[in-house]
Amino acid sequence: MNCINSTEKITPEAVAAELSACRAVKEDNLKRYKDDPPGFYIETFGCQQNEADSERLAGLCILMGYVPVDSIKDAKLVLFNTCAIREHAEKKALSIIGEMKHQKAADPELIIGIGGCMVSQDHRVEKIKRSNPYVSFTFDTGAIHRVPSLVLGARNREKRRFILSDNFGIAEGIPTYRKTPFKAWLSIMYGCNNFCSYCIVPYVRGRERSRTPEDILREARELIEGGARDITLLGQNVNSYGKDIGEMDIAALMREICKIDGDFRLRFMTSHPKDASDSLIAAMAEEEKIIPHFHLPVQSGSTRVLGAMNRRYTREKYLSIIEKLKAAVPDVSITSDIIVAFPGETEEEFSETLSLLEEVRYDMIFSFIYSPREGTPAAAMDCQIDRAVANDRYQRLLSLQDTITAERNARFEGRTLKVLCDDVSKTDSSMMTGRADTPRPIHFKGDSSMIGKFINVKITKSDLFSLMGEVVE
């Protein structure tokens, strides 16, 4: 009979045992495949934290003797790292997972595992147990470190295992595989304590838990010495870092990272307005290595709706933070998240969100129509908004923001920016793309020798989605 296991507390000994399982799988791979190592493929859905988690999964796969492949059809180990923030993300993941039935039938040795937020929910795990018998195991967000033993168990044809964590901890010492050494996600904390009424995150990622400053600074030094030029500090509520361990807050941590020798830039996300402190704003203003970009989700411009969302700030409080931020960092780029058609939102309250956009002048927003999440208070609220009304409001929001974004992007025209060249443009092989202080990508003529380097680019043109420029000495 299939079983659901609960993880115990994560300890150094538990991590060491999993690294030992890596070696056992690698030895088996060498016996089975000799000089032709098997491939692994990871499909990632959702946020930057999921991307960072997938880098750790990739590190474990390589330690197990697998090699990355570009096509899922070439893999002997397939891992899905799923998202549960919106229903669309879950449906997309389930659809792709459903297609794996035929690949498994054609290759009985194929191992399929599902991780991430979606399978941190009991009802999703139960459905996968019943409907997807070709899935070898699931592992929630607290059990990434257990993948080696799960793979070993699947190799030995043990019972399928479905991991749901009772205890969310931090597994240090997990290897990380990054495709681009000059850009890096650096997780500084996990989980969330906020319990916004619409959000599933606290239920699927556990309570807030901060990594120690020593572990973070060690990893930051390793990244910088390894060539990282653009580092993003990650957390579900990144600016509440340190509250659970009482050693230092995010502002002090960022100042310590900025002291490390090297030519690099520092970013952070995602922030909660209730924890956007004066010290954090001061650090951004005073430290040259911190990019002047603040992602500060507001979700709604209505104080009443914010209360129903359990956001724990008012419209006025949010705007006071924006005022401080603009005063300290005059050319700051501000981005945000906004939910349209939250249950009970009136037309007047939606208009307050539009007026907030006009007042703040965001560089960019990530906007979503409210999506009910099973188990959250908002899903049980009366007055769910009609879909046609929601779609209309969403389009009006986008239209207004497009106008503001075009205006904000245009301010860079004529400026010379220090751009980290990321890659060759996907649409024109003679063009390169990169990032600077603006959240929008920057395109310019060049060649692949520029990748991973800082390039001075004079901005000649802007549009809604990007900036264009030319390389200058």
Protein backbone atom coordinates (compact mmCIF):
# COMPACT_ATOMS: atom_id res chain seq x y z
CA MET A 1 0.00 0.00 0.00
CA ASN A 2 1.25 3.47 -0.83
CA CYS A 3 2.19 5.63 2.10
CA ILE A 4 2.64 9.26 3.04
CA ASN A 5 5.66 9.96 5.20
CA SER A 6 6.36 12.96 7.40
CA THR A 7 9.86 14.33 7.59
CA GLU A 8 11.67 14.68 10.87
CA LYS A 9 13.73 17.67 11.90
CA ILE A 10 16.46 18.53 9.40
CA THR A 11 19.87 17.96 10.96
CA PRO A 12 23.44 17.93 9.58
CA GLU A 13 23.33 14.17 10.06
CA ALA A 14 20.18 13.89 7.94
CA VAL A 15 21.78 15.94 5.15
CA ALA A 16 24.94 13.81 5.35
CA ALA A 17 22.82 10.67 4.97
CA GLU A 18 21.26 12.09 1.81
CA LEU A 19 24.67 12.96 0.38
CA SER A 20 25.63 9.34 1.08
CA ALA A 21 22.55 8.25 -0.88
CA CYS A 22 23.84 10.43 -3.75
CA ARG A 23 27.00 8.37 -3.83
CA ALA A 24 25.01 5.13 -3.85
CA VAL A 25 22.93 6.29 -6.83
CA LYS A 26 26.08 7.44 -8.64
CA GLU A 27 27.71 4.04 -8.17
CA ASP A 28 24.58 2.38 -9.54
CA ASN A 29 24.57 4.76 -12.52
CA LEU A 30 28.17 3.87 -13.29
CA LYS A 31 27.29 0.16 -13.26
CA ARG A 32 24.16 0.56 -15.38
CA TYR A 33 25.27 3.17 -17.89
CA LYS A 34 29.10 2.98 -17.74
CA ASP A 35 30.55 5.75 -19.98
CA ASP A 36 27.15 7.12 -21.04
CA PRO A 37 25.74 8.83 -17.92
CA PRO A 38 21.94 9.17 -17.70
CA GLY A 39 20.28 12.55 -18.12
CA PHE A 40 18.12 14.55 -15.75
CA TYR A 41 15.53 17.17 -16.61
CA ILE A 42 13.89 19.62 -14.19
CA GLU A 43 10.73 21.50 -15.14
CA THR A 44 10.26 24.55 -12.90
CA PHE A 45 7.02 26.45 -12.36
CA GLY A 46 6.42 29.61 -10.34
CA CYS A 47 8.59 32.07 -8.47
CA GLN A 48 12.28 32.85 -8.06
CA GLN A 49 12.37 30.74 -4.89
CA ASN A 50 11.31 27.74 -6.96
CA GLU A 51 14.07 28.54 -9.44
CA ALA A 52 16.57 28.63 -6.57
CA ASP A 53 15.19 25.34 -5.23
CA SER A 54 15.60 23.79 -8.69
CA GLU A 55 19.27 24.82 -8.70
CA ARG A 56 19.72 22.79 -5.52
CA LEU A 57 17.82 19.87 -7.05
CA ALA A 58 20.14 20.06 -10.06
CA GLY A 59 23.14 20.03 -7.73
CA LEU A 60 21.88 16.83 -6.13
CA CYS A 61 21.20 15.25 -9.53
CA ILE A 62 24.76 15.91 -10.68
CA LEU A 63 26.09 14.48 -7.41
CA MET A 64 24.04 11.36 -8.15
CA GLY A 65 25.85 10.93 -11.46
CA TYR A 66 23.22 12.38 -13.78
CA VAL A 67 23.96 15.00 -16.45
CA PRO A 68 21.61 17.82 -17.53
CA VAL A 69 19.76 17.32 -20.82
CA ASP A 70 17.82 19.86 -22.87
CA SER A 71 14.88 17.62 -23.73
CA ILE A 72 12.59 15.83 -21.29
CA LYS A 73 12.48 12.90 -23.73
CA ASP A 74 16.21 12.28 -23.23
CA ALA A 75 16.00 12.05 -19.43
CA LYS A 76 16.16 9.05 -17.13
CA LEU A 77 15.20 11.24 -14.14
CA VAL A 78 12.50 13.91 -14.46
CA LEU A 79 11.65 16.24 -11.59
CA PHE A 80 8.78 18.71 -11.62
CA ASN A 81 9.12 21.66 -9.23
CA THR A 82 5.57 22.94 -8.98
CA CYS A 83 3.73 26.11 -7.95
CA ALA A 84 0.42 26.53 -6.11
CA ILE A 85 -0.02 30.31 -6.03
CA ARG A 86 -2.69 30.27 -8.76
CA GLU A 87 -4.95 27.59 -10.18
CA HIS A 88 -3.54 28.11 -13.67
CA ALA A 89 -0.04 27.12 -12.52
CA GLU A 90 -1.34 23.90 -10.96
CA LYS A 91 -3.39 22.96 -14.03
CA LYS A 92 -0.42 23.56 -16.32
CA ALA A 93 1.83 21.37 -14.19
CA LEU A 94 -0.76 18.58 -13.94
CA SER A 95 -1.27 18.63 -17.70
CA ILE A 96 2.46 18.22 -18.42
CA ILE A 97 2.78 15.54 -15.73
CA GLY A 98 -0.14 13.69 -17.32
CA GLU A 99 1.74 13.53 -20.60
CA MET A 100 4.57 11.60 -18.89
CA LYS A 101 2.44 8.44 -18.81
CA HIS A 102 3.48 7.51 -22.34
CA GLN A 103 7.18 8.19 -21.78
CA LYS A 104 7.16 6.03 -18.66
CA ALA A 105 5.40 3.23 -20.56
CA ALA A 106 8.10 3.37 -23.23
CA ASP A 107 10.93 3.48 -20.67
CA PRO A 108 10.20 1.57 -17.43
CA GLU A 109 13.54 2.74 -15.98
CA LEU A 110 12.42 6.38 -16.09
CA ILE A 111 12.03 7.91 -12.61
CA ILE A 112 9.50 10.73 -12.19
CA GLY A 113 9.31 12.89 -9.06
CA ILE A 114 7.13 15.88 -8.23
CA GLY A 115 8.15 18.56 -5.75
CA GLY A 116 7.28 22.11 -4.81
CA CYS A 117 4.26 23.92 -3.46
CA MET A 118 1.55 21.99 -5.28
CA VAL A 119 2.49 18.70 -3.61
CA SER A 120 2.73 20.37 -0.22
CA GLN A 121 -1.09 20.13 -0.18
CA ASP A 122 -2.76 16.94 1.03
CA HIS A 123 -5.52 16.95 -1.58
CA ARG A 124 -3.07 17.27 -4.49
CA VAL A 125 -0.87 14.46 -3.16
CA GLU A 126 -3.89 12.19 -2.78
CA LYS A 127 -4.99 12.90 -6.34
CA ILE A 128 -1.52 12.17 -7.73
CA LYS A 129 -1.41 8.90 -5.77
CA ARG A 130 -4.66 7.80 -7.38
CA SER A 131 -4.39 9.32 -10.86
CA ASN A 132 -0.68 9.14 -11.70
CA PRO A 133 0.62 5.65 -10.83
CA TYR A 134 3.74 6.25 -12.97
CA VAL A 135 4.95 8.97 -10.56
CA SER A 136 7.59 7.43 -8.29
CA PHE A 137 7.48 9.96 -5.47
CA THR A 138 6.52 13.45 -4.34
CA PHE A 139 8.47 15.74 -2.02
CA ASP A 140 7.19 18.98 -0.55
CA THR A 141 9.14 22.21 -0.07
CA GLY A 142 10.56 20.98 3.23
CA ALA A 143 11.97 17.78 1.75
CA ILE A 144 14.18 18.84 -1.18
CA HIS A 145 17.20 17.33 0.57
CA ARG A 146 15.48 13.91 0.62
CA VAL A 147 15.42 13.48 -3.16
CA PRO A 148 18.55 11.25 -3.27
CA SER A 149 17.02 8.63 -0.97
CA LEU A 150 13.74 8.86 -2.90
CA VAL A 151 15.57 8.25 -6.16
CA LEU A 152 17.48 5.35 -4.56
CA GLY A 153 14.22 3.87 -3.33
CA ALA A 154 12.68 4.13 -6.80
CA ARG A 155 15.78 2.46 -8.24
CA ASN A 156 15.31 -0.43 -5.80
CA ARG A 157 11.61 -0.64 -6.72
CA GLU A 158 10.47 0.20 -3.22
CA LYS A 159 6.97 1.48 -2.50
CA ARG A 160 6.08 4.87 -3.91
CA ARG A 161 6.66 7.59 -1.32
CA PHE A 162 4.80 10.84 -0.80
CA ILE A 163 6.54 13.23 1.58
CA LEU A 164 4.58 15.81 3.57
CA SER A 165 6.64 17.70 6.13
CA ASP A 166 5.68 18.12 9.75
CA ASN A 167 8.82 20.12 10.41
CA PHE A 168 10.16 22.73 8.00
CA GLY A 169 13.81 23.41 8.60
CA ILE A 170 16.86 24.53 6.62
CA ALA A 171 19.11 22.01 4.91
CA GLU A 172 22.59 23.51 4.65
CA GLY A 173 25.30 21.87 2.60
CA ILE A 174 23.16 20.98 -0.43
CA PRO A 175 25.18 21.44 -3.65
CA THR A 176 23.92 23.97 -6.17
CA TYR A 177 24.15 23.90 -9.96
CA ARG A 178 23.76 27.28 -11.67
CA LYS A 179 23.67 27.46 -15.47
CA THR A 180 25.03 31.01 -15.41
CA PRO A 181 27.80 31.61 -12.85
CA PHE A 182 27.58 35.39 -13.21
CA LYS A 183 23.96 35.54 -11.93
CA ALA A 184 22.78 33.92 -8.73
CA TRP A 185 19.76 33.51 -6.50
CA LEU A 186 20.81 33.49 -2.84
CA SER A 187 18.10 32.31 -0.46
CA ILE A 188 18.46 33.97 2.95
CA MET A 189 15.22 32.73 4.51
CA TYR A 190 12.27 30.46 3.86
CA GLY A 191 8.58 30.42 4.75
CA CYS A 192 6.09 33.09 5.72
CA ASN A 193 4.24 34.17 8.88
CA ASN A 194 1.84 36.66 7.32
CA PHE A 195 -1.20 34.52 6.42
CA CYS A 196 -2.67 36.91 3.87
CA SER A 197 -6.21 35.66 3.44
CA TYR A 198 -5.77 34.81 -0.27
CA CYS A 199 -2.34 33.17 -0.05
CA ILE A 200 -1.35 29.51 0.21
CA VAL A 201 2.37 30.14 0.87
CA PRO A 202 2.41 29.81 4.69
CA TYR A 203 0.62 26.47 4.37
CA VAL A 204 2.97 25.02 1.74
CA ARG A 205 6.32 26.57 2.77
CA GLY A 206 6.00 26.68 6.53
CA ARG A 207 6.83 29.44 9.02
CA GLU A 208 9.61 31.97 8.57
CA ARG A 209 13.08 30.64 9.23
CA SER A 210 16.27 32.57 8.56
CA ARG A 211 19.63 31.18 7.58
CA THR A 212 22.49 32.31 9.80
CA PRO A 213 24.49 35.34 8.67
CA GLU A 214 27.61 33.15 8.66
CA ASP A 215 26.11 30.67 6.17
CA ILE A 216 24.80 33.46 3.93
CA LEU A 217 28.07 35.41 3.93
CA ARG A 218 30.04 32.24 3.23
CA GLU A 219 27.86 31.46 0.23
CA ALA A 220 27.99 35.08 -0.97
CA ARG A 221 31.81 35.04 -0.88
CA GLU A 222 31.88 31.76 -2.78
CA LEU A 223 29.53 33.17 -5.41
CA ILE A 224 31.53 36.36 -5.88
CA GLU A 225 34.84 34.50 -6.01
CA GLY A 226 33.24 32.20 -8.58
CA GLY A 227 32.34 35.10 -10.86
CA ALA A 228 28.85 36.16 -9.71
CA ARG A 229 28.12 39.75 -10.75
CA ASP A 230 24.39 39.94 -10.05
CA ILE A 231 23.11 38.41 -6.79
CA THR A 232 19.46 38.42 -5.70
CA LEU A 233 18.65 37.74 -2.05
CA LEU A 234 15.49 35.66 -1.83
CA GLY A 235 12.78 35.05 0.73
CA GLN A 236 8.99 34.81 0.73
CA ASN A 237 9.14 37.89 2.96
CA VAL A 238 12.77 38.81 2.53
CA ASN A 239 12.77 42.00 4.58
CA SER A 240 11.66 40.19 7.73
CA TYR A 241 14.99 38.38 7.67
CA GLY A 242 16.56 37.75 11.07
CA LYS A 243 13.49 38.27 13.26
CA ASP A 244 13.46 34.61 14.27
CA ILE A 245 17.16 34.39 15.12
CA GLY A 246 17.77 37.91 16.40
CA GLU A 247 21.27 38.35 14.98
CA MET A 248 20.91 41.02 12.29
CA ASP A 249 18.20 42.40 10.03
CA ILE A 250 18.27 42.46 6.23
CA ALA A 251 19.72 45.97 6.09
CA ALA A 252 22.72 44.97 8.22
CA LEU A 253 23.10 41.73 6.25
CA MET A 254 23.17 43.58 2.94
CA ARG A 255 25.74 46.04 4.24
CA GLU A 256 27.95 43.09 5.27
CA ILE A 257 27.63 41.52 1.82
CA CYS A 258 28.50 44.86 0.20
CA LYS A 259 31.80 44.83 2.13
CA ILE A 260 32.95 41.75 0.21
CA ASP A 261 35.56 42.63 -2.41
CA GLY A 262 34.35 42.30 -5.98
CA ASP A 263 32.53 44.01 -8.81
CA PHE A 264 28.97 42.86 -8.19
CA ARG A 265 25.43 44.14 -7.67
CA LEU A 266 22.91 43.17 -5.04
CA ARG A 267 19.13 42.86 -5.31
CA PHE A 268 16.44 41.50 -2.97
CA MET A 269 12.89 40.22 -3.18
CA THR A 270 10.09 39.82 -2.23
CA SER A 271 9.31 42.46 0.39
CA HIS A 272 6.28 43.00 2.59
CA PRO A 273 5.37 46.65 3.26
CA LYS A 274 4.91 46.05 6.98
CA ASP A 275 8.63 45.19 7.22
CA ALA A 276 10.00 47.85 4.85
CA SER A 277 12.13 49.59 7.48
CA ASP A 278 13.87 52.93 7.43
CA SER A 279 17.18 51.07 7.85
CA LEU A 280 16.53 49.06 4.68
CA ILE A 281 15.76 52.22 2.71
CA ALA A 282 18.91 53.84 4.11
CA ALA A 283 21.03 50.86 3.05
CA MET A 284 19.70 51.10 -0.51
CA ALA A 285 20.45 54.83 -0.55
CA GLU A 286 23.97 54.52 0.85
CA GLU A 287 25.39 51.30 -0.60
CA GLU A 288 26.51 51.62 -4.22
CA LYS A 289 26.35 47.87 -4.80
CA ILE A 290 22.61 47.69 -3.98
CA ILE A 291 20.56 48.18 -7.14
CA PRO A 292 18.02 51.03 -6.75
CA HIS A 293 15.05 48.76 -7.44
CA PHE A 294 12.47 48.04 -4.75
CA HIS A 295 9.79 45.43 -5.39
CA LEU A 296 7.06 46.28 -2.88
CA PRO A 297 3.77 44.41 -3.42
CA VAL A 298 0.72 46.49 -2.54
CA GLN A 299 -2.04 44.10 -3.80
CA SER A 300 -4.80 46.75 -3.54
CA GLY A 301 -5.18 50.51 -3.22
CA SER A 302 -8.17 50.20 -0.91
CA THR A 303 -7.63 50.17 2.85
CA ARG A 304 -10.80 48.12 3.37
CA VAL A 305 -9.71 45.49 0.85
CA LEU A 306 -6.24 45.42 2.37
CA GLY A 307 -7.88 44.67 5.71
CA ALA A 308 -9.90 41.83 4.18
CA MET A 309 -6.66 40.54 2.69
CA ASN A 310 -5.02 40.64 6.15
CA ARG A 311 -2.16 42.73 4.76
CA ARG A 312 -1.67 44.68 8.04
CA TYR A 313 -1.08 48.10 6.54
CA THR A 314 -3.28 50.83 5.12
CA ARG A 315 -3.13 52.71 1.84
CA GLU A 316 -1.77 55.69 3.75
CA LYS A 317 0.96 53.63 5.43
CA TYR A 318 2.03 52.16 2.10
CA LEU A 319 2.22 55.58 0.47
CA SER A 320 4.29 56.90 3.38
CA ILE A 321 6.87 54.15 2.68
CA ILE A 322 6.91 55.10 -1.00
CA GLU A 323 7.43 58.75 -0.05
CA LYS A 324 10.41 57.86 2.16
CA LEU A 325 11.86 55.63 -0.54
CA LYS A 326 11.64 58.28 -3.25
CA ALA A 327 13.13 60.91 -0.95
CA ALA A 328 16.11 58.69 -0.09
CA VAL A 329 16.63 57.22 -3.58
CA PRO A 330 15.27 59.81 -6.05
CA ASP A 331 15.61 57.68 -9.20
CA VAL A 332 14.47 54.41 -7.64
CA SER A 333 12.61 51.87 -9.79
CA ILE A 334 9.53 50.60 -7.96
CA THR A 335 7.60 47.50 -8.98
CA SER A 336 4.64 45.81 -7.33
CA ASP A 337 2.08 42.98 -7.29
CA ILE A 338 -1.63 43.71 -7.58
CA ILE A 339 -4.64 41.43 -7.24
CA VAL A 340 -7.75 42.39 -9.20
CA ALA A 341 -11.27 41.36 -8.16
CA PHE A 342 -10.58 40.16 -4.63
CA PRO A 343 -13.88 38.91 -3.10
CA GLY A 344 -16.14 41.83 -2.30
CA GLU A 345 -14.07 44.44 -4.12
CA THR A 346 -16.40 47.20 -5.30
CA GLU A 347 -15.95 49.39 -8.34
CA GLU A 348 -15.06 52.29 -6.06
CA GLU A 349 -12.41 50.21 -4.31
CA PHE A 350 -10.96 49.14 -7.63
CA SER A 351 -10.81 52.80 -8.60
CA GLU A 352 -8.67 53.36 -5.50
CA THR A 353 -6.19 50.87 -6.91
CA LEU A 354 -6.10 52.79 -10.20
CA SER A 355 -5.51 56.05 -8.36
CA LEU A 356 -2.68 54.41 -6.39
CA LEU A 357 -0.98 53.52 -9.67
CA GLU A 358 -1.29 57.13 -10.76
CA GLU A 359 0.23 58.35 -7.50
CA VAL A 360 3.11 55.86 -7.13
CA ARG A 361 4.07 55.64 -10.85
CA TYR A 362 5.37 52.07 -10.83
CA ASP A 363 7.99 51.06 -13.38
CA MET A 364 6.20 47.75 -13.75
CA ILE A 365 3.54 45.67 -12.02
CA PHE A 366 2.75 41.98 -11.84
CA SER A 367 -1.03 41.83 -11.85
CA PHE A 368 -3.37 38.88 -11.41
CA ILE A 369 -7.07 38.19 -11.27
CA TYR A 370 -7.88 36.73 -7.85
CA SER A 371 -7.61 32.92 -7.84
CA PRO A 372 -9.25 30.99 -4.98
CA ARG A 373 -6.84 28.65 -3.18
CA GLU A 374 -8.34 25.74 -1.26
CA GLY A 375 -7.72 26.09 2.46
CA THR A 376 -7.34 29.88 2.51
CA PRO A 377 -9.92 32.17 4.21
CA ALA A 378 -10.60 34.15 1.03
CA ALA A 379 -11.74 31.04 -0.84
CA ALA A 380 -14.70 30.76 1.55
CA MET A 381 -15.66 34.44 1.40
CA ASP A 382 -19.00 35.55 0.00
CA CYS A 383 -19.17 38.04 -2.86
CA GLN A 384 -16.79 36.33 -5.27
CA ILE A 385 -16.46 38.64 -8.28
CA ASP A 386 -18.05 37.71 -11.60
CA ARG A 387 -15.39 36.70 -14.15
CA ALA A 388 -16.53 39.21 -16.76
CA VAL A 389 -16.24 42.03 -14.21
CA ALA A 390 -12.83 40.76 -13.14
CA ASN A 391 -11.58 40.62 -16.74
CA ASP A 392 -12.80 44.16 -17.41
CA ARG A 393 -11.03 45.52 -14.34
CA TYR A 394 -7.87 43.62 -15.21
CA GLN A 395 -7.73 45.12 -18.71
CA ARG A 396 -8.31 48.63 -17.37
CA LEU A 397 -5.51 48.14 -14.85
CA LEU A 398 -3.10 46.96 -17.55
CA SER A 399 -4.03 49.83 -19.86
CA LEU A 400 -3.27 52.44 -17.21
CA GLN A 401 -0.03 50.77 -16.17
CA ASP A 402 1.13 50.49 -19.78
CA THR A 403 0.91 54.27 -20.08
CA ILE A 404 2.86 54.76 -16.85
CA THR A 405 5.45 52.14 -17.78
CA ALA A 406 6.13 53.79 -21.15
CA GLU A 407 6.69 57.08 -19.37
CA ARG A 408 9.00 55.53 -16.77
CA ASN A 409 11.02 53.63 -19.38
CA ALA A 410 11.50 56.81 -21.44
CA ARG A 411 13.44 58.47 -18.62
CA PHE A 412 16.43 56.28 -19.42
CA GLU A 413 16.75 57.55 -23.00
CA GLY A 414 20.04 59.36 -23.44
CA ARG A 415 21.58 57.84 -20.30
CA THR A 416 24.58 55.52 -20.25
CA LEU A 417 23.95 52.50 -18.02
CA LYS A 418 26.27 49.83 -16.65
CA VAL A 419 24.66 46.70 -18.08
CA LEU A 420 25.43 43.10 -17.14
CA CYS A 421 25.25 41.22 -20.44
CA ASP A 422 23.08 38.12 -19.92
CA ASP A 423 22.73 36.36 -23.24
CA VAL A 424 22.21 36.54 -26.98
CA SER A 425 18.78 37.94 -27.84
CA LYS A 426 16.20 35.23 -28.50
CA THR A 427 14.86 37.10 -31.55
CA ASP A 428 18.05 38.48 -33.17
CA SER A 429 21.43 36.74 -32.98
CA SER A 430 23.27 40.01 -33.62
CA MET A 431 21.78 41.54 -30.48
CA MET A 432 22.67 40.95 -26.85
CA THR A 433 20.44 41.41 -23.82
CA GLY A 434 21.26 42.46 -20.27
CA ARG A 435 20.10 44.11 -17.05
CA ALA A 436 20.95 47.33 -15.27
CA ASP A 437 19.19 49.50 -12.67
CA THR A 438 15.89 49.27 -14.53
CA PRO A 439 13.80 46.08 -14.20
CA ARG A 440 13.35 46.05 -17.99
CA PRO A 441 15.78 44.13 -20.25
CA ILE A 442 18.22 46.13 -22.35
CA HIS A 443 19.09 45.13 -25.95
CA PHE A 444 22.22 46.21 -27.83
CA LYS A 445 24.45 45.10 -30.70
CA GLY A 446 27.30 42.83 -29.67
CA ASP A 447 28.58 39.27 -29.56
CA SER A 448 28.76 36.34 -27.15
CA SER A 449 32.17 37.42 -25.81
CA MET A 450 30.28 40.05 -23.80
CA ILE A 451 28.20 37.53 -21.82
CA GLY A 452 28.85 37.74 -18.10
CA LYS A 453 30.57 41.12 -18.35
CA PHE A 454 29.53 44.66 -17.48
CA ILE A 455 29.08 46.77 -20.61
CA ASN A 456 28.45 50.53 -20.84
CA VAL A 457 25.35 51.04 -22.97
CA LYS A 458 23.83 54.37 -24.01
CA ILE A 459 20.05 54.05 -24.20
CA THR A 460 18.77 55.27 -27.55
CA LYS A 461 15.15 54.13 -27.47
CA SER A 462 12.55 52.68 -25.15
CA ASP A 463 9.31 50.80 -25.63
CA LEU A 464 6.81 49.22 -23.29
CA PHE A 465 8.80 46.06 -22.59
CA SER A 466 12.47 46.93 -23.05
CA LEU A 467 15.21 49.48 -23.67
CA MET A 468 17.47 49.62 -26.73
CA GLY A 469 20.97 51.05 -26.79
CA GLU A 470 24.45 51.12 -28.23
CA VAL A 471 27.75 50.13 -26.64
CA VAL A 472 30.01 53.02 -25.63
CA GLU A 473 33.56 53.06 -24.27
